[in-house]
């Protein structure tokens, strides 16, 4: 039988953002059974739910997902947000192995911020894009389609001037690091920015189009609905803000605190009581802060995978030995 090392409440009840209709989520980490370890089937995730795949969960439903130890630790080394949240959640079990993992967490965590930044951008674009933002992306792509495919955008004066005049679009001159040794003058690169997505105008239209077409393609039904209705999916935007704030907290302090420090703000966003423009401006400011943040020195550039392998091997070996001894005693 699997052995649980860790069990915590998860989701909105962990973050402090549960509503009267919220279901209850739990997450866990287990050592797989000796049989599954020996047969090579220990990758299985245990997933239990009282709800139905065909309907939304209610306040009476309970979801529980448990990850095998090796899969969980691998997720932490990849700095995946969901796994990191578990690392700092309250463990309802007093397990010395889990305490050792928490103690040695800086062997696992790295300075890689991509999962936080990528998740936040994806969530914001997919679930919380305002109608005018989606329109801006579509309009920029249309300009690229009309431009000459054979020349860089920066060499097409009329295209650049058109972009300058478009709402929610900026073209800025960014100084290059290199100076002309003869004149001492610094060259400049024109940078196009649309809601946090920037490209140099030295790109050709086809290359630039891919950058801004991608979020349009990723925009799912929720975004389309938001654009048509003139408003966002508040829940999606709240999750975006939460993940950005968690990234800033983690890389600044090496820890996460639950319930979330800003749970009251998240509740206002989630329930649609916040001003949309304020929410979006704050999100963009915090996202930029996260992108520019230098993680504290405790974070490694790469995870100590040798420690992970040794830890998992010793735990799994002990599981198999105990099962063998139990089997022997029954002979």
C-alpha atoms as a PDB file:
ATOM      1  CA  UNK A   1       0.000   0.000   0.000  1.00  0.00           C
ATOM      2  CA  UNK A   2       1.172   3.571  -0.629  1.00  0.00           C
ATOM      3  CA  UNK A   3       2.367   5.521   2.401  1.00  0.00           C
ATOM      4  CA  UNK A   4       1.382   9.179   2.722  1.00  0.00           C
ATOM      5  CA  UNK A   5       4.155  11.608   3.658  1.00  0.00           C
ATOM      6  CA  UNK A   6       2.233  14.809   3.165  1.00  0.00           C
ATOM      7  CA  UNK A   7      -1.388  15.938   3.101  1.00  0.00           C
ATOM      8  CA  UNK A   8      -2.701  19.491   2.930  1.00  0.00           C
ATOM      9  CA  UNK A   9      -5.771  21.507   2.095  1.00  0.00           C
ATOM     10  CA  UNK A  10      -5.286  23.143  -1.300  1.00  0.00           C
ATOM     11  CA  UNK A  11      -6.887  25.588  -3.729  1.00  0.00           C
ATOM     12  CA  UNK A  12      -9.001  28.463  -2.478  1.00  0.00           C
ATOM     13  CA  UNK A  13      -9.115  27.130   1.074  1.00  0.00           C
ATOM     14  CA  UNK A  14      -5.316  27.220   1.199  1.00  0.00           C
ATOM     15  CA  UNK A  15      -5.109  30.683  -0.357  1.00  0.00           C
ATOM     16  CA  UNK A  16      -7.795  32.158   1.900  1.00  0.00           C
ATOM     17  CA  UNK A  17     -10.126  32.912  -1.018  1.00  0.00           C
ATOM     18  CA  UNK A  18     -12.864  30.331  -0.576  1.00  0.00           C
ATOM     19  CA  UNK A  19     -16.444  31.429  -1.214  1.00  0.00           C
ATOM     20  CA  UNK A  20     -19.640  29.810   0.129  1.00  0.00           C
ATOM     21  CA  UNK A  21     -19.833  27.737  -3.068  1.00  0.00           C
ATOM     22  CA  UNK A  22     -16.180  26.584  -3.121  1.00  0.00           C
ATOM     23  CA  UNK A  23     -15.446  22.879  -3.070  1.00  0.00           C
ATOM     24  CA  UNK A  24     -12.629  21.420  -0.954  1.00  0.00           C
ATOM     25  CA  UNK A  25      -9.322  20.401  -2.517  1.00  0.00           C
ATOM     26  CA  UNK A  26      -6.578  18.323  -0.946  1.00  0.00           C
ATOM     27  CA  UNK A  27      -3.100  17.523  -2.222  1.00  0.00           C
ATOM     28  CA  UNK A  28      -0.776  14.817  -1.001  1.00  0.00           C
ATOM     29  CA  UNK A  29       2.570  13.110  -1.595  1.00  0.00           C
ATOM     30  CA  UNK A  30       3.051   9.384  -1.106  1.00  0.00           C
ATOM     31  CA  UNK A  31       5.649   6.663  -1.262  1.00  0.00           C
ATOM     32  CA  UNK A  32       4.309   4.132  -3.801  1.00  0.00           C
ATOM     33  CA  UNK A  33       3.693   0.545  -2.807  1.00  0.00           C
ATOM     34  CA  UNK A  34       6.655  -1.840  -2.918  1.00  0.00           C
ATOM     35  CA  UNK A  35       4.925  -3.818  -5.668  1.00  0.00           C
ATOM     36  CA  UNK A  36       4.545  -0.765  -7.927  1.00  0.00           C
ATOM     37  CA  UNK A  37       8.173   0.221  -7.294  1.00  0.00           C
ATOM     38  CA  UNK A  38       9.414  -3.230  -8.284  1.00  0.00           C
ATOM     39  CA  UNK A  39       7.105  -3.495 -11.300  1.00  0.00           C
ATOM     40  CA  UNK A  40       7.970  -0.028 -12.567  1.00  0.00           C
ATOM     41  CA  UNK A  41       4.427   1.317 -12.201  1.00  0.00           C
ATOM     42  CA  UNK A  42       5.146   3.800  -9.402  1.00  0.00           C
ATOM     43  CA  UNK A  43       4.438   6.847 -11.594  1.00  0.00           C
ATOM     44  CA  UNK A  44       0.694   6.610 -11.018  1.00  0.00           C
ATOM     45  CA  UNK A  45      -0.971   9.690  -9.534  1.00  0.00           C
ATOM     46  CA  UNK A  46      -3.829   8.961  -7.129  1.00  0.00           C
ATOM     47  CA  UNK A  47      -6.789  11.104  -8.077  1.00  0.00           C
ATOM     48  CA  UNK A  48     -10.075  10.946  -6.192  1.00  0.00           C
ATOM     49  CA  UNK A  49     -13.100  13.191  -6.567  1.00  0.00           C
ATOM     50  CA  UNK A  50     -16.690  13.124  -5.368  1.00  0.00           C
ATOM     51  CA  UNK A  51     -17.757  15.305  -8.308  1.00  0.00           C
ATOM     52  CA  UNK A  52     -18.488  14.507 -11.938  1.00  0.00           C
ATOM     53  CA  UNK A  53     -16.432  15.321 -15.032  1.00  0.00           C
ATOM     54  CA  UNK A  54     -19.622  16.526 -16.718  1.00  0.00           C
ATOM     55  CA  UNK A  55     -20.651  19.089 -14.084  1.00  0.00           C
ATOM     56  CA  UNK A  56     -18.992  21.772 -11.971  1.00  0.00           C
ATOM     57  CA  UNK A  57     -18.077  20.900  -8.404  1.00  0.00           C
ATOM     58  CA  UNK A  58     -20.245  22.200  -5.564  1.00  0.00           C
ATOM     59  CA  UNK A  59     -19.425  23.160  -1.968  1.00  0.00           C
ATOM     60  CA  UNK A  60     -20.102  19.554  -0.956  1.00  0.00           C
ATOM     61  CA  UNK A  61     -17.561  18.051  -3.358  1.00  0.00           C
ATOM     62  CA  UNK A  62     -14.051  16.981  -2.375  1.00  0.00           C
ATOM     63  CA  UNK A  63     -11.088  16.606  -4.734  1.00  0.00           C
ATOM     64  CA  UNK A  64      -7.888  14.850  -3.682  1.00  0.00           C
ATOM     65  CA  UNK A  65      -4.755  14.285  -5.725  1.00  0.00           C
ATOM     66  CA  UNK A  66      -1.621  12.542  -4.474  1.00  0.00           C
ATOM     67  CA  UNK A  67       1.741  12.492  -6.242  1.00  0.00           C
ATOM     68  CA  UNK A  68       4.401   9.777  -5.908  1.00  0.00           C
ATOM     69  CA  UNK A  69       7.456  11.139  -4.118  1.00  0.00           C
ATOM     70  CA  UNK A  70       9.837  11.064  -7.088  1.00  0.00           C
ATOM     71  CA  UNK A  71       7.352  12.816  -9.383  1.00  0.00           C
ATOM     72  CA  UNK A  72       6.661  15.486  -6.785  1.00  0.00           C
ATOM     73  CA  UNK A  73      10.347  16.248  -6.161  1.00  0.00           C
ATOM     74  CA  UNK A  74      10.961  16.417  -9.915  1.00  0.00           C
ATOM     75  CA  UNK A  75       8.160  18.995 -10.161  1.00  0.00           C
ATOM     76  CA  UNK A  76       9.790  21.107  -7.449  1.00  0.00           C
ATOM     77  CA  UNK A  77      13.160  21.051  -9.248  1.00  0.00           C
ATOM     78  CA  UNK A  78      11.352  22.381 -12.318  1.00  0.00           C
ATOM     79  CA  UNK A  79       9.941  25.193 -10.125  1.00  0.00           C
ATOM     80  CA  UNK A  80       6.353  24.326 -11.014  1.00  0.00           C
ATOM     81  CA  UNK A  81       4.007  26.593  -9.074  1.00  0.00           C
ATOM     82  CA  UNK A  82       1.566  23.954  -7.769  1.00  0.00           C
ATOM     83  CA  UNK A  83       4.341  21.795  -6.334  1.00  0.00           C
ATOM     84  CA  UNK A  84       6.063  24.757  -4.689  1.00  0.00           C
ATOM     85  CA  UNK A  85       2.827  25.828  -2.994  1.00  0.00           C
ATOM     86  CA  UNK A  86       2.604  22.372  -1.437  1.00  0.00           C
ATOM     87  CA  UNK A  87       6.146  22.705  -0.100  1.00  0.00           C
ATOM     88  CA  UNK A  88       5.056  25.608   2.105  1.00  0.00           C
ATOM     89  CA  UNK A  89       1.540  24.468   2.989  1.00  0.00           C
ATOM     90  CA  UNK A  90       0.720  23.063   6.408  1.00  0.00           C
ATOM     91  CA  UNK A  91       1.277  19.306   6.480  1.00  0.00           C
ATOM     92  CA  UNK A  92      -1.465  17.603   8.494  1.00  0.00           C
ATOM     93  CA  UNK A  93       0.910  14.656   8.962  1.00  0.00           C
ATOM     94  CA  UNK A  94       3.973  14.860  11.201  1.00  0.00           C
ATOM     95  CA  UNK A  95       6.374  12.986   8.934  1.00  0.00           C
ATOM     96  CA  UNK A  96      10.140  13.189   9.407  1.00  0.00           C
ATOM     97  CA  UNK A  97      10.845  12.515   5.725  1.00  0.00           C
ATOM     98  CA  UNK A  98       8.704  15.469   4.680  1.00  0.00           C
ATOM     99  CA  UNK A  99      10.385  17.621   7.322  1.00  0.00           C
ATOM    100  CA  UNK A 100      13.732  16.683   5.765  1.00  0.00           C
ATOM    101  CA  UNK A 101      12.503  17.764   2.324  1.00  0.00           C
ATOM    102  CA  UNK A 102      11.405  21.142   3.695  1.00  0.00           C
ATOM    103  CA  UNK A 103      14.721  21.525   5.519  1.00  0.00           C
ATOM    104  CA  UNK A 104      16.674  20.828   2.316  1.00  0.00           C
ATOM    105  CA  UNK A 105      14.346  22.799   0.011  1.00  0.00           C
ATOM    106  CA  UNK A 106      17.141  24.984  -1.352  1.00  0.00           C
ATOM    107  CA  UNK A 107      18.719  21.874  -2.833  1.00  0.00           C
ATOM    108  CA  UNK A 108      15.557  21.539  -4.905  1.00  0.00           C
ATOM    109  CA  UNK A 109      14.552  25.103  -5.739  1.00  0.00           C
ATOM    110  CA  UNK A 110      16.346  27.124  -8.399  1.00  0.00           C
ATOM    111  CA  UNK A 111      16.382  30.763  -9.486  1.00  0.00           C
ATOM    112  CA  UNK A 112      14.276  29.918 -12.559  1.00  0.00           C
ATOM    113  CA  UNK A 113      11.255  32.274 -12.581  1.00  0.00           C
ATOM    114  CA  UNK A 114       9.826  31.107 -15.914  1.00  0.00           C
ATOM    115  CA  UNK A 115       7.036  28.974 -14.489  1.00  0.00           C
ATOM    116  CA  UNK A 116       5.647  31.881 -12.453  1.00  0.00           C
ATOM    117  CA  UNK A 117       5.973  34.443 -15.245  1.00  0.00           C
ATOM    118  CA  UNK A 118       4.730  32.070 -17.931  1.00  0.00           C
ATOM    119  CA  UNK A 119       1.724  30.912 -15.904  1.00  0.00           C
ATOM    120  CA  UNK A 120       0.711  34.458 -15.028  1.00  0.00           C
ATOM    121  CA  UNK A 121       0.944  35.673 -18.613  1.00  0.00           C
ATOM    122  CA  UNK A 122      -0.912  32.636 -19.924  1.00  0.00           C
ATOM    123  CA  UNK A 123      -3.680  32.981 -17.352  1.00  0.00           C
ATOM    124  CA  UNK A 124      -4.070  36.697 -17.906  1.00  0.00           C
ATOM    125  CA  UNK A 125      -4.162  36.330 -21.670  1.00  0.00           C
ATOM    126  CA  UNK A 126      -6.386  33.273 -21.744  1.00  0.00           C
ATOM    127  CA  UNK A 127      -8.893  34.150 -19.069  1.00  0.00           C
ATOM    128  CA  UNK A 128      -8.713  37.831 -18.236  1.00  0.00           C
ATOM    129  CA  UNK A 129      -8.075  39.816 -21.394  1.00  0.00           C
ATOM    130  CA  UNK A 130     -10.307  42.815 -21.771  1.00  0.00           C
ATOM    131  CA  UNK A 131     -12.041  43.345 -25.067  1.00  0.00           C
ATOM    132  CA  UNK A 132      -9.868  46.342 -25.965  1.00  0.00           C
ATOM    133  CA  UNK A 133      -6.694  44.337 -25.297  1.00  0.00           C
ATOM    134  CA  UNK A 134      -7.753  41.528 -27.559  1.00  0.00           C
ATOM    135  CA  UNK A 135      -8.667  44.099 -30.200  1.00  0.00           C
ATOM    136  CA  UNK A 136      -5.215  45.695 -29.927  1.00  0.00           C
ATOM    137  CA  UNK A 137      -3.459  42.382 -30.505  1.00  0.00           C
ATOM    138  CA  UNK A 138      -5.670  41.589 -33.486  1.00  0.00           C
ATOM    139  CA  UNK A 139      -5.085  45.063 -34.980  1.00  0.00           C
ATOM    140  CA  UNK A 140      -1.302  44.813 -34.614  1.00  0.00           C
ATOM    141  CA  UNK A 141      -1.272  41.440 -36.363  1.00  0.00           C
ATOM    142  CA  UNK A 142      -3.357  42.955 -39.159  1.00  0.00           C
ATOM    143  CA  UNK A 143      -0.746  45.692 -39.643  1.00  0.00           C
ATOM    144  CA  UNK A 144       1.953  43.028 -39.949  1.00  0.00           C
ATOM    145  CA  UNK A 145      -0.107  41.232 -42.582  1.00  0.00           C
ATOM    146  CA  UNK A 146      -0.302  44.411 -44.668  1.00  0.00           C
ATOM    147  CA  UNK A 147       3.431  45.134 -44.398  1.00  0.00           C
ATOM    148  CA  UNK A 148       5.971  44.036 -46.965  1.00  0.00           C
ATOM    149  CA  UNK A 149       7.231  40.571 -46.003  1.00  0.00           C
ATOM    150  CA  UNK A 150      10.660  41.211 -47.569  1.00  0.00           C
ATOM    151  CA  UNK A 151      11.860  44.028 -45.284  1.00  0.00           C
ATOM    152  CA  UNK A 152      12.392  44.547 -41.576  1.00  0.00           C
ATOM    153  CA  UNK A 153       9.609  46.458 -39.876  1.00  0.00           C
ATOM    154  CA  UNK A 154      12.081  49.161 -38.845  1.00  0.00           C
ATOM    155  CA  UNK A 155      12.837  49.783 -42.547  1.00  0.00           C
ATOM    156  CA  UNK A 156       9.137  50.386 -43.304  1.00  0.00           C
ATOM    157  CA  UNK A 157       8.560  53.958 -42.138  1.00  0.00           C
ATOM    158  CA  UNK A 158       4.814  54.054 -42.804  1.00  0.00           C
ATOM    159  CA  UNK A 159       4.270  50.825 -40.877  1.00  0.00           C
ATOM    160  CA  UNK A 160       6.188  52.092 -37.854  1.00  0.00           C
ATOM    161  CA  UNK A 161       4.299  55.389 -37.857  1.00  0.00           C
ATOM    162  CA  UNK A 162       1.005  53.525 -38.102  1.00  0.00           C
ATOM    163  CA  UNK A 163       1.973  51.440 -35.079  1.00  0.00           C
ATOM    164  CA  UNK A 164       2.921  54.575 -33.117  1.00  0.00           C
ATOM    165  CA  UNK A 165      -0.574  56.000 -33.553  1.00  0.00           C
ATOM    166  CA  UNK A 166      -2.456  52.853 -32.496  1.00  0.00           C
ATOM    167  CA  UNK A 167      -4.137  52.780 -29.067  1.00  0.00           C
ATOM    168  CA  UNK A 168      -2.513  50.554 -26.428  1.00  0.00           C
ATOM    169  CA  UNK A 169       0.613  50.223 -28.584  1.00  0.00           C
ATOM    170  CA  UNK A 170       3.966  51.890 -27.911  1.00  0.00           C
ATOM    171  CA  UNK A 171       7.114  52.216 -29.984  1.00  0.00           C
ATOM    172  CA  UNK A 172      10.181  53.248 -27.985  1.00  0.00           C
ATOM    173  CA  UNK A 173      13.819  53.836 -28.847  1.00  0.00           C
ATOM    174  CA  UNK A 174      16.029  51.673 -26.624  1.00  0.00           C
ATOM    175  CA  UNK A 175      19.782  52.429 -26.554  1.00  0.00           C
ATOM    176  CA  UNK A 176      22.058  49.564 -27.530  1.00  0.00           C
ATOM    177  CA  UNK A 177      24.963  48.560 -25.284  1.00  0.00           C
ATOM    178  CA  UNK A 178      27.537  49.128 -28.025  1.00  0.00           C
ATOM    179  CA  UNK A 179      28.844  52.530 -29.017  1.00  0.00           C
ATOM    180  CA  UNK A 180      30.435  53.564 -32.291  1.00  0.00           C
ATOM    181  CA  UNK A 181      34.177  53.663 -31.390  1.00  0.00           C
ATOM    182  CA  UNK A 182      34.810  56.545 -33.827  1.00  0.00           C
ATOM    183  CA  UNK A 183      31.995  58.927 -32.900  1.00  0.00           C
ATOM    184  CA  UNK A 184      31.131  57.581 -29.442  1.00  0.00           C
ATOM    185  CA  UNK A 185      27.485  57.623 -30.432  1.00  0.00           C
ATOM    186  CA  UNK A 186      25.162  54.904 -29.206  1.00  0.00           C
ATOM    187  CA  UNK A 187      22.835  53.131 -31.597  1.00  0.00           C
ATOM    188  CA  UNK A 188      19.176  52.647 -30.799  1.00  0.00           C
ATOM    189  CA  UNK A 189      16.752  49.796 -31.366  1.00  0.00           C
ATOM    190  CA  UNK A 190      13.059  50.451 -31.839  1.00  0.00           C
ATOM    191  CA  UNK A 191      10.971  48.328 -29.505  1.00  0.00           C
ATOM    192  CA  UNK A 192       7.273  47.580 -30.050  1.00  0.00           C
ATOM    193  CA  UNK A 193       5.250  46.831 -26.909  1.00  0.00           C
ATOM    194  CA  UNK A 194       1.646  45.663 -26.684  1.00  0.00           C
ATOM    195  CA  UNK A 195       0.476  44.928 -23.138  1.00  0.00           C
ATOM    196  CA  UNK A 196       3.803  43.646 -21.853  1.00  0.00           C
ATOM    197  CA  UNK A 197       4.804  41.751 -25.003  1.00  0.00           C
ATOM    198  CA  UNK A 198       7.774  43.442 -26.644  1.00  0.00           C
ATOM    199  CA  UNK A 199       9.681  42.780 -29.853  1.00  0.00           C
ATOM    200  CA  UNK A 200      12.464  44.635 -31.684  1.00  0.00           C
ATOM    201  CA  UNK A 201      11.257  46.157 -34.935  1.00  0.00           C
ATOM    202  CA  UNK A 202      14.302  44.643 -36.621  1.00  0.00           C
ATOM    203  CA  UNK A 203      12.055  41.594 -37.066  1.00  0.00           C
ATOM    204  CA  UNK A 204      10.376  40.874 -40.345  1.00  0.00           C
ATOM    205  CA  UNK A 205       6.551  40.873 -40.334  1.00  0.00           C
ATOM    206  CA  UNK A 206       6.196  37.088 -40.378  1.00  0.00           C
ATOM    207  CA  UNK A 207       8.401  36.700 -37.290  1.00  0.00           C
ATOM    208  CA  UNK A 208       6.658  39.510 -35.430  1.00  0.00           C
ATOM    209  CA  UNK A 209       3.249  38.113 -36.314  1.00  0.00           C
ATOM    210  CA  UNK A 210       3.998  34.849 -34.495  1.00  0.00           C
ATOM    211  CA  UNK A 211       4.635  36.686 -31.227  1.00  0.00           C
ATOM    212  CA  UNK A 212       1.259  38.417 -31.174  1.00  0.00           C
ATOM    213  CA  UNK A 213      -0.762  35.751 -32.970  1.00  0.00           C
ATOM    214  CA  UNK A 214       0.071  33.179 -30.305  1.00  0.00           C
ATOM    215  CA  UNK A 215      -1.883  34.839 -27.442  1.00  0.00           C
ATOM    216  CA  UNK A 216      -4.793  35.411 -29.812  1.00  0.00           C
ATOM    217  CA  UNK A 217      -4.828  31.722 -30.710  1.00  0.00           C
ATOM    218  CA  UNK A 218      -4.543  30.777 -27.037  1.00  0.00           C
ATOM    219  CA  UNK A 219      -7.487  32.915 -26.119  1.00  0.00           C
ATOM    220  CA  UNK A 220     -10.168  30.366 -25.292  1.00  0.00           C
ATOM    221  CA  UNK A 221     -13.901  30.620 -24.928  1.00  0.00           C
ATOM    222  CA  UNK A 222     -13.629  32.539 -21.686  1.00  0.00           C
ATOM    223  CA  UNK A 223     -11.595  35.297 -23.335  1.00  0.00           C
ATOM    224  CA  UNK A 224     -13.939  35.506 -26.292  1.00  0.00           C
ATOM    225  CA  UNK A 225     -16.862  35.756 -23.923  1.00  0.00           C
ATOM    226  CA  UNK A 226     -15.081  38.466 -21.950  1.00  0.00           C
ATOM    227  CA  UNK A 227     -14.305  40.428 -25.085  1.00  0.00           C
ATOM    228  CA  UNK A 228     -17.898  40.244 -26.309  1.00  0.00           C
ATOM    229  CA  UNK A 229     -19.287  41.121 -22.897  1.00  0.00           C
ATOM    230  CA  UNK A 230     -16.801  43.901 -22.203  1.00  0.00           C
ATOM    231  CA  UNK A 231     -15.421  42.302 -19.044  1.00  0.00           C
ATOM    232  CA  UNK A 232     -12.891  39.722 -17.895  1.00  0.00           C
ATOM    233  CA  UNK A 233     -13.093  36.391 -16.160  1.00  0.00           C
ATOM    234  CA  UNK A 234     -12.440  37.652 -12.630  1.00  0.00           C
ATOM    235  CA  UNK A 235     -11.399  34.252 -11.309  1.00  0.00           C
ATOM    236  CA  UNK A 236      -8.740  33.915 -14.000  1.00  0.00           C
ATOM    237  CA  UNK A 237      -7.387  37.365 -13.250  1.00  0.00           C
ATOM    238  CA  UNK A 238      -7.290  36.691  -9.509  1.00  0.00           C
ATOM    239  CA  UNK A 239      -5.220  33.563 -10.112  1.00  0.00           C
ATOM    240  CA  UNK A 240      -2.856  35.550 -12.344  1.00  0.00           C
ATOM    241  CA  UNK A 241      -2.295  38.170  -9.659  1.00  0.00           C
ATOM    242  CA  UNK A 242      -1.842  35.545  -6.959  1.00  0.00           C
ATOM    243  CA  UNK A 243       0.850  33.679  -8.884  1.00  0.00           C
ATOM    244  CA  UNK A 244       2.775  36.877  -9.624  1.00  0.00           C
ATOM    245  CA  UNK A 245       2.671  37.854  -5.948  1.00  0.00           C
ATOM    246  CA  UNK A 246       3.755  34.363  -4.914  1.00  0.00           C
ATOM    247  CA  UNK A 247       6.733  34.595  -7.280  1.00  0.00           C
ATOM    248  CA  UNK A 248       7.820  37.923  -5.797  1.00  0.00           C
ATOM    249  CA  UNK A 249       7.430  36.578  -2.258  1.00  0.00           C
ATOM    250  CA  UNK A 250       9.245  33.309  -2.926  1.00  0.00           C
ATOM    251  CA  UNK A 251      12.250  34.743  -4.756  1.00  0.00           C
ATOM    252  CA  UNK A 252      12.556  37.631  -2.278  1.00  0.00           C
ATOM    253  CA  UNK A 253      12.280  35.611   0.947  1.00  0.00           C
ATOM    254  CA  UNK A 254      12.694  31.936   0.057  1.00  0.00           C
ATOM    255  CA  UNK A 255       9.267  31.169   1.529  1.00  0.00           C
ATOM    256  CA  UNK A 256       5.530  31.333   0.879  1.00  0.00           C
ATOM    257  CA  UNK A 257       2.971  32.116   3.572  1.00  0.00           C
ATOM    258  CA  UNK A 258      -0.574  30.720   3.537  1.00  0.00           C
ATOM    259  CA  UNK A 259      -3.266  31.940   3.635  1.00  0.00           C
ATOM    260  CA  UNK A 260      -1.928  34.413   1.069  1.00  0.00           C
ATOM    261  CA  UNK A 261      -0.861  37.751   2.509  1.00  0.00           C
ATOM    262  CA  UNK A 262      -3.124  39.611   0.067  1.00  0.00           C
ATOM    263  CA  UNK A 263      -6.129  37.323   0.258  1.00  0.00           C
ATOM    264  CA  UNK A 264      -8.505  40.256   0.870  1.00  0.00           C
ATOM    265  CA  UNK A 265      -7.398  41.862  -2.397  1.00  0.00           C
ATOM    266  CA  UNK A 266      -7.841  38.583  -4.232  1.00  0.00           C
ATOM    267  CA  UNK A 267     -11.353  38.215  -2.877  1.00  0.00           C
ATOM    268  CA  UNK A 268     -12.278  41.644  -4.260  1.00  0.00           C
ATOM    269  CA  UNK A 269     -10.909  40.637  -7.652  1.00  0.00           C
ATOM    270  CA  UNK A 270     -12.491  37.193  -7.633  1.00  0.00           C
ATOM    271  CA  UNK A 271     -15.932  38.555  -6.764  1.00  0.00           C
ATOM    272  CA  UNK A 272     -15.724  41.374  -9.342  1.00  0.00           C
ATOM    273  CA  UNK A 273     -15.732  44.160  -6.742  1.00  0.00           C
ATOM    274  CA  UNK A 274     -12.407  45.679  -7.833  1.00  0.00           C
ATOM    275  CA  UNK A 275     -11.935  48.347 -10.488  1.00  0.00           C
ATOM    276  CA  UNK A 276     -10.841  46.577 -13.666  1.00  0.00           C
ATOM    277  CA  UNK A 277      -8.360  49.212 -14.808  1.00  0.00           C
ATOM    278  CA  UNK A 278      -6.730  49.338 -11.368  1.00  0.00           C
ATOM    279  CA  UNK A 279      -6.486  45.544 -11.275  1.00  0.00           C
ATOM    280  CA  UNK A 280      -4.889  45.312 -14.711  1.00  0.00           C
ATOM    281  CA  UNK A 281      -2.428  48.166 -14.080  1.00  0.00           C
ATOM    282  CA  UNK A 282      -1.408  46.679 -10.733  1.00  0.00           C
ATOM    283  CA  UNK A 283      -0.969  43.261 -12.323  1.00  0.00           C
ATOM    284  CA  UNK A 284       1.267  44.642 -15.073  1.00  0.00           C
ATOM    285  CA  UNK A 285       3.389  46.571 -12.543  1.00  0.00           C
ATOM    286  CA  UNK A 286       3.839  43.490 -10.372  1.00  0.00           C
ATOM    287  CA  UNK A 287       4.599  41.280 -13.357  1.00  0.00           C
ATOM    288  CA  UNK A 288       7.352  43.683 -14.392  1.00  0.00           C
ATOM    289  CA  UNK A 289       8.656  43.685 -10.807  1.00  0.00           C
ATOM    290  CA  UNK A 290       8.826  39.889 -10.884  1.00  0.00           C
ATOM    291  CA  UNK A 291      10.573  39.850 -14.250  1.00  0.00           C
ATOM    292  CA  UNK A 292      13.232  42.293 -13.011  1.00  0.00           C
ATOM    293  CA  UNK A 293      13.648  40.689  -9.572  1.00  0.00           C
ATOM    294  CA  UNK A 294      16.970  39.020  -8.739  1.00  0.00           C
ATOM    295  CA  UNK A 295      16.309  35.967  -6.517  1.00  0.00           C
ATOM    296  CA  UNK A 296      18.081  35.854  -3.157  1.00  0.00           C
ATOM    297  CA  UNK A 297      21.391  34.026  -3.100  1.00  0.00           C
ATOM    298  CA  UNK A 298      19.922  30.906  -1.430  1.00  0.00           C
ATOM    299  CA  UNK A 299      18.462  29.844  -4.785  1.00  0.00           C
ATOM    300  CA  UNK A 300      20.647  27.617  -6.949  1.00  0.00           C
ATOM    301  CA  UNK A 301      21.072  27.943 -10.683  1.00  0.00           C
ATOM    302  CA  UNK A 302      20.408  24.219 -11.021  1.00  0.00           C
ATOM    303  CA  UNK A 303      18.811  21.750  -8.637  1.00  0.00           C
ATOM    304  CA  UNK A 304      20.871  19.186  -6.735  1.00  0.00           C
ATOM    305  CA  UNK A 305      19.501  16.207  -8.652  1.00  0.00           C
ATOM    306  CA  UNK A 306      22.060  13.858  -7.100  1.00  0.00           C
ATOM    307  CA  UNK A 307      20.580  14.585  -3.665  1.00  0.00           C
ATOM    308  CA  UNK A 308      17.081  13.998  -5.043  1.00  0.00           C
ATOM    309  CA  UNK A 309      18.076  10.668  -6.580  1.00  0.00           C
ATOM    310  CA  UNK A 310      19.784   9.493  -3.380  1.00  0.00           C
ATOM    311  CA  UNK A 311      16.850  10.570  -1.228  1.00  0.00           C
ATOM    312  CA  UNK A 312      14.246   8.839  -3.405  1.00  0.00           C
ATOM    313  CA  UNK A 313      16.389   5.715  -3.787  1.00  0.00           C
ATOM    314  CA  UNK A 314      16.849   5.347  -0.020  1.00  0.00           C
ATOM    315  CA  UNK A 315      13.141   5.885   0.719  1.00  0.00           C
ATOM    316  CA  UNK A 316      12.001   3.457  -1.991  1.00  0.00           C
ATOM    317  CA  UNK A 317      14.610   0.885  -0.984  1.00  0.00           C
ATOM    318  CA  UNK A 318      13.364   0.997   2.599  1.00  0.00           C
ATOM    319  CA  UNK A 319       9.792   0.519   1.366  1.00  0.00           C
ATOM    320  CA  UNK A 320      10.795  -2.595  -0.570  1.00  0.00           C
ATOM    321  CA  UNK A 321      12.864  -4.005   2.308  1.00  0.00           C
ATOM    322  CA  UNK A 322       9.972  -3.561   4.752  1.00  0.00           C
ATOM    323  CA  UNK A 323       7.610  -5.331   2.351  1.00  0.00           C
ATOM    324  CA  UNK A 324      10.101  -8.165   1.946  1.00  0.00           C
ATOM    325  CA  UNK A 325      10.508  -8.557   5.690  1.00  0.00           C
ATOM    326  CA  UNK A 326       6.721  -8.620   6.134  1.00  0.00           C
ATOM    327  CA  UNK A 327       6.466 -11.299   3.462  1.00  0.00           C
ATOM    328  CA  UNK A 328       9.245 -13.346   5.098  1.00  0.00           C
ATOM    329  CA  UNK A 329       7.614 -13.174   8.493  1.00  0.00           C
ATOM    330  CA  UNK A 330       4.456 -14.693   7.045  1.00  0.00           C
ATOM    331  CA  UNK A 331       6.203 -17.799   5.730  1.00  0.00           C
END
